[in-house]
PDB file of N, CA and C in Angstrom:
ATOM      1  N   UNK A   1       0.452  11.763 -10.590  1.00  0.00           N
ATOM      2  CA  UNK A   1      -0.730  10.763  -9.394  1.00  0.00           C
ATOM      3  C   UNK A   1      -1.223   9.527 -10.342  1.00  0.00           C
ATOM      4  N   UNK A   2      -1.567   8.715  -9.387  1.00  0.00           N
ATOM      5  CA  UNK A   2      -0.888   7.304 -10.025  1.00  0.00           C
ATOM      6  C   UNK A   2      -2.310   6.297  -9.007  1.00  0.00           C
ATOM      7  N   UNK A   3      -3.083   5.246  -9.933  1.00  0.00           N
ATOM      8  CA  UNK A   3      -4.364   4.455  -8.715  1.00  0.00           C
ATOM      9  C   UNK A   3      -3.925   3.310  -9.745  1.00  0.00           C
ATOM     10  N   UNK A   4      -3.371   2.234  -9.006  1.00  0.00           N
ATOM     11  CA  UNK A   4      -3.448   1.268  -9.958  1.00  0.00           C
ATOM     12  C   UNK A   4      -4.314   0.205  -8.422  1.00  0.00           C
ATOM     13  N   UNK A   5      -4.119  -0.925  -8.937  1.00  0.00           N
ATOM     14  CA  UNK A   5      -4.686  -2.393  -7.967  1.00  0.00           C
ATOM     15  C   UNK A   5      -4.614  -3.358  -8.822  1.00  0.00           C
ATOM     16  N   UNK A   6      -4.548  -4.039  -8.016  1.00  0.00           N
ATOM     17  CA  UNK A   6      -4.173  -5.940  -8.460  1.00  0.00           C
ATOM     18  C   UNK A   6      -5.025  -6.878  -7.600  1.00  0.00           C
ATOM     19  N   UNK A   7      -5.147  -7.943  -7.894  1.00  0.00           N
ATOM     20  CA  UNK A   7      -5.755  -8.820  -7.137  1.00  0.00           C
ATOM     21  C   UNK A   7      -4.650  -9.771  -6.112  1.00  0.00           C
ATOM     22  N   UNK A   8      -5.063 -10.580  -5.203  1.00  0.00           N
ATOM     23  CA  UNK A   8      -3.990 -10.888  -4.432  1.00  0.00           C
ATOM     24  C   UNK A   8      -4.567 -11.812  -3.451  1.00  0.00           C
ATOM     25  N   UNK A   9      -3.685 -13.205  -3.256  1.00  0.00           N
ATOM     26  CA  UNK A   9      -4.436 -14.247  -2.129  1.00  0.00           C
ATOM     27  C   UNK A   9      -3.995 -14.131  -0.640  1.00  0.00           C
ATOM     28  N   UNK A  10      -2.880 -12.851  -0.855  1.00  0.00           N
ATOM     29  CA  UNK A  10      -2.647 -12.498   0.989  1.00  0.00           C
ATOM     30  C   UNK A  10      -3.651 -11.892   1.834  1.00  0.00           C
ATOM     31  N   UNK A  11      -3.352 -12.405   3.091  1.00  0.00           N
ATOM     32  CA  UNK A  11      -4.503 -11.568   3.694  1.00  0.00           C
ATOM     33  C   UNK A  11      -4.628 -10.246   3.609  1.00  0.00           C
ATOM     34  N   UNK A  12      -5.974  -9.387   4.102  1.00  0.00           N
ATOM     35  CA  UNK A  12      -5.901  -8.085   4.100  1.00  0.00           C
ATOM     36  C   UNK A  12      -4.381  -7.713   5.074  1.00  0.00           C
ATOM     37  N   UNK A  13      -4.394  -8.512   6.534  1.00  0.00           N
ATOM     38  CA  UNK A  13      -3.589  -8.020   7.560  1.00  0.00           C
ATOM     39  C   UNK A  13      -1.911  -7.893   6.634  1.00  0.00           C
ATOM     40  N   UNK A  14      -1.588  -9.373   6.106  1.00  0.00           N
ATOM     41  CA  UNK A  14      -0.710  -9.476   5.319  1.00  0.00           C
ATOM     42  C   UNK A  14      -0.235  -8.092   4.420  1.00  0.00           C
ATOM     43  N   UNK A  15      -1.158  -7.622   4.025  1.00  0.00           N
ATOM     44  CA  UNK A  15      -1.242  -6.631   2.761  1.00  0.00           C
ATOM     45  C   UNK A  15      -0.978  -5.490   3.543  1.00  0.00           C
ATOM     46  N   UNK A  16      -1.597  -5.006   4.687  1.00  0.00           N
ATOM     47  CA  UNK A  16      -1.147  -4.314   5.247  1.00  0.00           C
ATOM     48  C   UNK A  16       0.239  -3.718   5.950  1.00  0.00           C
ATOM     49  N   UNK A  17       0.228  -4.853   6.264  1.00  0.00           N
ATOM     50  CA  UNK A  17       1.968  -5.502   7.000  1.00  0.00           C
ATOM     51  C   UNK A  17       3.455  -4.865   5.997  1.00  0.00           C
ATOM     52  N   UNK A  18       2.737  -5.792   5.018  1.00  0.00           N
ATOM     53  CA  UNK A  18       3.766  -5.356   3.743  1.00  0.00           C
ATOM     54  C   UNK A  18       3.961  -4.049   3.413  1.00  0.00           C
ATOM     55  N   UNK A  19       3.039  -3.522   3.168  1.00  0.00           N
ATOM     56  CA  UNK A  19       2.689  -2.212   3.021  1.00  0.00           C
ATOM     57  C   UNK A  19       3.505  -1.123   4.012  1.00  0.00           C
ATOM     58  N   UNK A  20       3.148  -1.303   5.279  1.00  0.00           N
ATOM     59  CA  UNK A  20       3.905  -0.723   6.305  1.00  0.00           C
ATOM     60  C   UNK A  20       5.359  -0.871   5.927  1.00  0.00           C
ATOM     61  N   UNK A  21       5.823  -2.269   5.924  1.00  0.00           N
ATOM     62  CA  UNK A  21       7.539  -2.383   5.731  1.00  0.00           C
ATOM     63  C   UNK A  21       8.007  -1.469   4.663  1.00  0.00           C
ATOM     64  N   UNK A  22       7.055  -1.928   3.610  1.00  0.00           N
ATOM     65  CA  UNK A  22       7.372  -1.365   2.429  1.00  0.00           C
ATOM     66  C   UNK A  22       7.721   0.273   2.414  1.00  0.00           C
ATOM     67  N   UNK A  23       6.842   0.403   2.737  1.00  0.00           N
ATOM     68  CA  UNK A  23       6.743   2.568   2.490  1.00  0.00           C
ATOM     69  C   UNK A  23       6.984   2.816   3.748  1.00  0.00           C
ATOM     70  N   UNK A  24       6.900   2.405   5.067  1.00  0.00           N
ATOM     71  CA  UNK A  24       7.067   2.765   6.226  1.00  0.00           C
ATOM     72  C   UNK A  24       9.031   3.349   6.084  1.00  0.00           C
ATOM     73  N   UNK A  25       9.049   3.610   7.624  1.00  0.00           N
ATOM     74  CA  UNK A  25      10.319   4.069   8.486  1.00  0.00           C
ATOM     75  C   UNK A  25      11.571   3.443   7.800  1.00  0.00           C
ATOM     76  N   UNK A  26      11.313   1.935   7.872  1.00  0.00           N
ATOM     77  CA  UNK A  26      12.317   0.971   7.429  1.00  0.00           C
ATOM     78  C   UNK A  26      12.074   0.905   6.201  1.00  0.00           C
ATOM     79  N   UNK A  27      11.622   0.934   5.076  1.00  0.00           N
ATOM     80  CA  UNK A  27      11.678   1.132   3.694  1.00  0.00           C
ATOM     81  C   UNK A  27      11.982   2.367   3.180  1.00  0.00           C
ATOM     82  N   UNK A  28      10.326   3.075   2.527  1.00  0.00           N
ATOM     83  CA  UNK A  28      11.369   3.877   1.764  1.00  0.00           C
ATOM     84  C   UNK A  28      11.022   5.394   2.427  1.00  0.00           C
ATOM     85  N   UNK A  29      10.798   5.017   4.124  1.00  0.00           N
ATOM     86  CA  UNK A  29      10.918   6.339   4.845  1.00  0.00           C
ATOM     87  C   UNK A  29      10.259   7.074   4.887  1.00  0.00           C
ATOM     88  N   UNK A  30       8.843   6.814   4.360  1.00  0.00           N
ATOM     89  CA  UNK A  30       7.775   7.637   4.790  1.00  0.00           C
ATOM     90  C   UNK A  30       7.156   7.670   5.853  1.00  0.00           C
ATOM     91  N   UNK A  31       6.673   8.677   6.478  1.00  0.00           N
ATOM     92  CA  UNK A  31       5.361   8.536   7.510  1.00  0.00           C
ATOM     93  C   UNK A  31       4.379   8.526   7.707  1.00  0.00           C
ATOM     94  N   UNK A  32       3.949   7.280   8.677  1.00  0.00           N
ATOM     95  CA  UNK A  32       2.359   6.475   8.630  1.00  0.00           C
ATOM     96  C   UNK A  32       1.620   7.350   8.853  1.00  0.00           C
ATOM     97  N   UNK A  33       0.440   8.000   8.363  1.00  0.00           N
ATOM     98  CA  UNK A  33      -0.314   9.308   9.013  1.00  0.00           C
ATOM     99  C   UNK A  33      -1.628   8.374   9.067  1.00  0.00           C
ATOM    100  N   UNK A  34      -2.087   7.214   8.768  1.00  0.00           N
ATOM    101  CA  UNK A  34      -3.502   6.383   9.448  1.00  0.00           C
ATOM    102  C   UNK A  34      -3.181   5.454   9.237  1.00  0.00           C
ATOM    103  N   UNK A  35      -4.353   4.334   9.900  1.00  0.00           N
ATOM    104  CA  UNK A  35      -4.261   3.092  10.025  1.00  0.00           C
ATOM    105  C   UNK A  35      -5.296   2.144   9.881  1.00  0.00           C
ATOM    106  N   UNK A  36      -6.317   1.657   9.330  1.00  0.00           N
ATOM    107  CA  UNK A  36      -6.837   0.823   9.752  1.00  0.00           C
ATOM    108  C   UNK A  36      -6.783  -1.008   9.317  1.00  0.00           C
ATOM    109  N   UNK A  37      -8.024  -1.380   9.631  1.00  0.00           N
ATOM    110  CA  UNK A  37      -8.268  -2.835   9.109  1.00  0.00           C
ATOM    111  C   UNK A  37      -7.931  -3.020   7.872  1.00  0.00           C
ATOM    112  N   UNK A  38      -8.515  -1.635   6.816  1.00  0.00           N
ATOM    113  CA  UNK A  38      -8.613  -2.086   6.144  1.00  0.00           C
ATOM    114  C   UNK A  38      -7.433  -1.351   4.868  1.00  0.00           C
ATOM    115  N   UNK A  39      -6.637  -0.516   4.937  1.00  0.00           N
ATOM    116  CA  UNK A  39      -5.805   0.246   4.875  1.00  0.00           C
ATOM    117  C   UNK A  39      -4.751   1.293   5.593  1.00  0.00           C
ATOM    118  N   UNK A  40      -4.120   1.788   5.081  1.00  0.00           N
ATOM    119  CA  UNK A  40      -2.720   2.822   5.882  1.00  0.00           C
ATOM    120  C   UNK A  40      -2.409   3.172   4.549  1.00  0.00           C
ATOM    121  N   UNK A  41      -1.854   4.442   4.864  1.00  0.00           N
ATOM    122  CA  UNK A  41      -1.733   5.623   4.514  1.00  0.00           C
ATOM    123  C   UNK A  41      -0.088   6.981   5.041  1.00  0.00           C
ATOM    124  N   UNK A  42       0.703   7.333   3.802  1.00  0.00           N
ATOM    125  CA  UNK A  42       2.133   7.407   4.282  1.00  0.00           C
ATOM    126  C   UNK A  42       2.129   8.987   3.662  1.00  0.00           C
ATOM    127  N   UNK A  43       2.635   9.676   4.645  1.00  0.00           N
ATOM    128  CA  UNK A  43       3.182  11.440   3.636  1.00  0.00           C
ATOM    129  C   UNK A  43       4.664  11.266   3.513  1.00  0.00           C
ATOM    130  N   UNK A  44       5.821  12.084   2.941  1.00  0.00           N
ATOM    131  CA  UNK A  44       7.166  12.243   2.847  1.00  0.00           C
ATOM    132  C   UNK A  44       6.914  12.827   1.441  1.00  0.00           C
ATOM    133  N   UNK A  45       8.543  13.505   1.444  1.00  0.00           N
ATOM    134  CA  UNK A  45       9.064  13.756   0.526  1.00  0.00           C
ATOM    135  C   UNK A  45       8.371  14.599  -0.786  1.00  0.00           C
ATOM    136  N   UNK A  46       6.853  15.189  -0.203  1.00  0.00           N
ATOM    137  CA  UNK A  46       6.496  16.025  -1.523  1.00  0.00           C
ATOM    138  C   UNK A  46       4.988  15.160  -1.399  1.00  0.00           C
ATOM    139  N   UNK A  47       5.005  14.022  -0.938  1.00  0.00           N
ATOM    140  CA  UNK A  47       3.639  12.981  -1.703  1.00  0.00           C
ATOM    141  C   UNK A  47       3.335  12.271  -0.340  1.00  0.00           C
ATOM    142  N   UNK A  48       2.594  10.744  -1.594  1.00  0.00           N
ATOM    143  CA  UNK A  48       1.907  10.623  -0.606  1.00  0.00           C
ATOM    144  C   UNK A  48       1.739   8.931  -1.023  1.00  0.00           C
ATOM    145  N   UNK A  49       1.312   8.202  -0.087  1.00  0.00           N
ATOM    146  CA  UNK A  49       1.208   6.997  -0.237  1.00  0.00           C
ATOM    147  C   UNK A  49      -0.170   6.161   0.088  1.00  0.00           C
ATOM    148  N   UNK A  50      -1.070   5.566  -0.559  1.00  0.00           N
ATOM    149  CA  UNK A  50      -2.709   4.653   0.175  1.00  0.00           C
ATOM    150  C   UNK A  50      -2.924   3.602  -0.313  1.00  0.00           C
ATOM    151  N   UNK A  51      -2.647   2.696   0.398  1.00  0.00           N
ATOM    152  CA  UNK A  51      -2.957   1.237   0.302  1.00  0.00           C
ATOM    153  C   UNK A  51      -4.499   0.815   0.740  1.00  0.00           C
ATOM    154  N   UNK A  52      -5.292   0.504  -0.246  1.00  0.00           N
ATOM    155  CA  UNK A  52      -6.264  -0.326   0.371  1.00  0.00           C
ATOM    156  C   UNK A  52      -6.569  -1.259  -0.167  1.00  0.00           C
ATOM    157  N   UNK A  53      -6.807  -2.390   1.029  1.00  0.00           N
ATOM    158  CA  UNK A  53      -7.215  -3.543   0.407  1.00  0.00           C
ATOM    159  C   UNK A  53      -8.632  -4.350   1.081  1.00  0.00           C
ATOM    160  N   UNK A  54      -9.404  -4.743  -0.152  1.00  0.00           N
ATOM    161  CA  UNK A  54     -10.787  -5.215   0.050  1.00  0.00           C
ATOM    162  C   UNK A  54     -10.987  -6.678   0.161  1.00  0.00           C
ATOM    163  N   UNK A  55     -11.649  -7.577   0.727  1.00  0.00           N
ATOM    164  CA  UNK A  55     -11.490  -8.705   0.959  1.00  0.00           C
ATOM    165  C   UNK A  55     -12.824  -9.305   0.239  1.00  0.00           C
ATOM    166  N   UNK A  56     -13.009 -10.644  -0.199  1.00  0.00           N
ATOM    167  CA  UNK A  56     -13.276 -11.303  -0.973  1.00  0.00           C
ATOM    168  C   UNK A  56     -13.694 -12.262  -0.896  1.00  0.00           C
ATOM    169  N   UNK A  57     -14.064 -13.515  -1.225  1.00  0.00           N
ATOM    170  CA  UNK A  57     -14.197 -14.666  -0.364  1.00  0.00           C
ATOM    171  C   UNK A  57     -12.365 -15.692  -0.877  1.00  0.00           C
ATOM    172  N   UNK A  58     -12.211 -15.335  -1.727  1.00  0.00           N
ATOM    173  CA  UNK A  58     -10.904 -16.338  -2.021  1.00  0.00           C
ATOM    174  C   UNK A  58      -9.799 -15.384  -2.475  1.00  0.00           C
ATOM    175  N   UNK A  59      -9.445 -13.936  -2.796  1.00  0.00           N
ATOM    176  CA  UNK A  59      -8.704 -13.157  -3.077  1.00  0.00           C
ATOM    177  C   UNK A  59      -9.098 -11.667  -2.543  1.00  0.00           C
ATOM    178  N   UNK A  60      -8.059 -10.792  -2.391  1.00  0.00           N
ATOM    179  CA  UNK A  60      -7.921  -9.719  -1.942  1.00  0.00           C
ATOM    180  C   UNK A  60      -7.754  -8.649  -3.011  1.00  0.00           C
ATOM    181  N   UNK A  61      -8.490  -7.517  -3.422  1.00  0.00           N
ATOM    182  CA  UNK A  61      -7.850  -6.557  -4.441  1.00  0.00           C
ATOM    183  C   UNK A  61      -7.283  -5.383  -3.319  1.00  0.00           C
ATOM    184  N   UNK A  62      -6.203  -4.980  -3.625  1.00  0.00           N
ATOM    185  CA  UNK A  62      -5.051  -4.308  -3.112  1.00  0.00           C
ATOM    186  C   UNK A  62      -4.996  -2.864  -4.228  1.00  0.00           C
ATOM    187  N   UNK A  63      -5.538  -2.124  -3.573  1.00  0.00           N
ATOM    188  CA  UNK A  63      -5.680  -1.173  -4.240  1.00  0.00           C
ATOM    189  C   UNK A  63      -4.004   0.638  -4.024  1.00  0.00           C
ATOM    190  N   UNK A  64      -3.543   1.087  -4.867  1.00  0.00           N
ATOM    191  CA  UNK A  64      -3.067   1.881  -4.194  1.00  0.00           C
ATOM    192  C   UNK A  64      -2.511   3.053  -4.727  1.00  0.00           C
ATOM    193  N   UNK A  65      -2.871   3.962  -4.430  1.00  0.00           N
ATOM    194  CA  UNK A  65      -2.453   5.656  -4.800  1.00  0.00           C
ATOM    195  C   UNK A  65      -1.731   6.208  -4.767  1.00  0.00           C
ATOM    196  N   UNK A  66      -0.978   7.426  -5.172  1.00  0.00           N
ATOM    197  CA  UNK A  66       0.184   7.402  -4.963  1.00  0.00           C
ATOM    198  C   UNK A  66       0.710   8.920  -5.745  1.00  0.00           C
ATOM    199  N   UNK A  67       1.343   9.753  -5.106  1.00  0.00           N
ATOM    200  CA  UNK A  67       1.791  11.117  -5.622  1.00  0.00           C
ATOM    201  C   UNK A  67       3.215  10.956  -5.460  1.00  0.00           C
ATOM    202  N   UNK A  68       4.085  11.190  -6.081  1.00  0.00           N
ATOM    203  CA  UNK A  68       5.688  11.318  -6.286  1.00  0.00           C
ATOM    204  C   UNK A  68       5.803  10.079  -6.182  1.00  0.00           C
ATOM    205  N   UNK A  69       5.618   9.055  -5.576  1.00  0.00           N
ATOM    206  CA  UNK A  69       5.983   7.814  -5.927  1.00  0.00           C
ATOM    207  C   UNK A  69       5.491   6.536  -6.536  1.00  0.00           C
ATOM    208  N   UNK A  70       5.461   6.764  -7.776  1.00  0.00           N
ATOM    209  CA  UNK A  70       4.247   5.907  -8.802  1.00  0.00           C
ATOM    210  C   UNK A  70       5.626   4.984  -8.879  1.00  0.00           C
ATOM    211  N   UNK A  71       6.481   4.853  -9.081  1.00  0.00           N
ATOM    212  CA  UNK A  71       7.552   3.755  -9.255  1.00  0.00           C
ATOM    213  C   UNK A  71       7.375   2.662  -8.394  1.00  0.00           C
ATOM    214  N   UNK A  72       7.439   3.405  -6.705  1.00  0.00           N
ATOM    215  CA  UNK A  72       7.742   2.659  -5.526  1.00  0.00           C
ATOM    216  C   UNK A  72       6.097   1.541  -5.676  1.00  0.00           C
ATOM    217  N   UNK A  73       5.206   2.549  -6.304  1.00  0.00           N
ATOM    218  CA  UNK A  73       3.786   2.072  -5.806  1.00  0.00           C
ATOM    219  C   UNK A  73       3.691   0.776  -6.482  1.00  0.00           C
ATOM    220  N   UNK A  74       3.748   0.698  -8.121  1.00  0.00           N
ATOM    221  CA  UNK A  74       4.391  -0.345  -9.174  1.00  0.00           C
ATOM    222  C   UNK A  74       5.083  -1.620  -8.498  1.00  0.00           C
ATOM    223  N   UNK A  75       6.083  -1.046  -7.710  1.00  0.00           N
ATOM    224  CA  UNK A  75       6.865  -2.115  -7.298  1.00  0.00           C
ATOM    225  C   UNK A  75       5.893  -2.812  -6.333  1.00  0.00           C
ATOM    226  N   UNK A  76       5.623  -2.246  -5.259  1.00  0.00           N
ATOM    227  CA  UNK A  76       4.725  -2.667  -4.026  1.00  0.00           C
ATOM    228  C   UNK A  76       3.633  -3.815  -4.501  1.00  0.00           C
ATOM    229  N   UNK A  77       2.943  -3.383  -5.955  1.00  0.00           N
ATOM    230  CA  UNK A  77       2.085  -4.405  -5.968  1.00  0.00           C
ATOM    231  C   UNK A  77       2.452  -5.950  -6.588  1.00  0.00           C
ATOM    232  N   UNK A  78       3.773  -4.996  -7.272  1.00  0.00           N
ATOM    233  CA  UNK A  78       4.650  -6.646  -8.010  1.00  0.00           C
ATOM    234  C   UNK A  78       5.131  -7.460  -6.692  1.00  0.00           C
ATOM    235  N   UNK A  79       4.750  -7.000  -5.025  1.00  0.00           N
ATOM    236  CA  UNK A  79       5.502  -8.174  -4.528  1.00  0.00           C
ATOM    237  C   UNK A  79       4.200  -8.431  -3.354  1.00  0.00           C
ATOM    238  N   UNK A  80       2.826  -8.665  -3.956  1.00  0.00           N
ATOM    239  CA  UNK A  80       1.655  -8.695  -3.433  1.00  0.00           C
ATOM    240  C   UNK A  80       0.698  -9.909  -4.116  1.00  0.00           C
TER     241      UNK A  80
END
């Protein structure tokens, strides 16, 4: 299991949308299990991925927690 974070200049909506595209059925093929304004979660293949975005005035903190998709989680963070 991995939990990693970084800052981003993207909006929370953009981060959540990119996570849905990257990890969802058109990307890594995971099923979306929950979605809120600040976070989105996926499951499949014996693992899970959760993406959280926290607002600050000039940037967002993006946090990804993953089991069985550690490599993909790192790649996603590189893209935001």
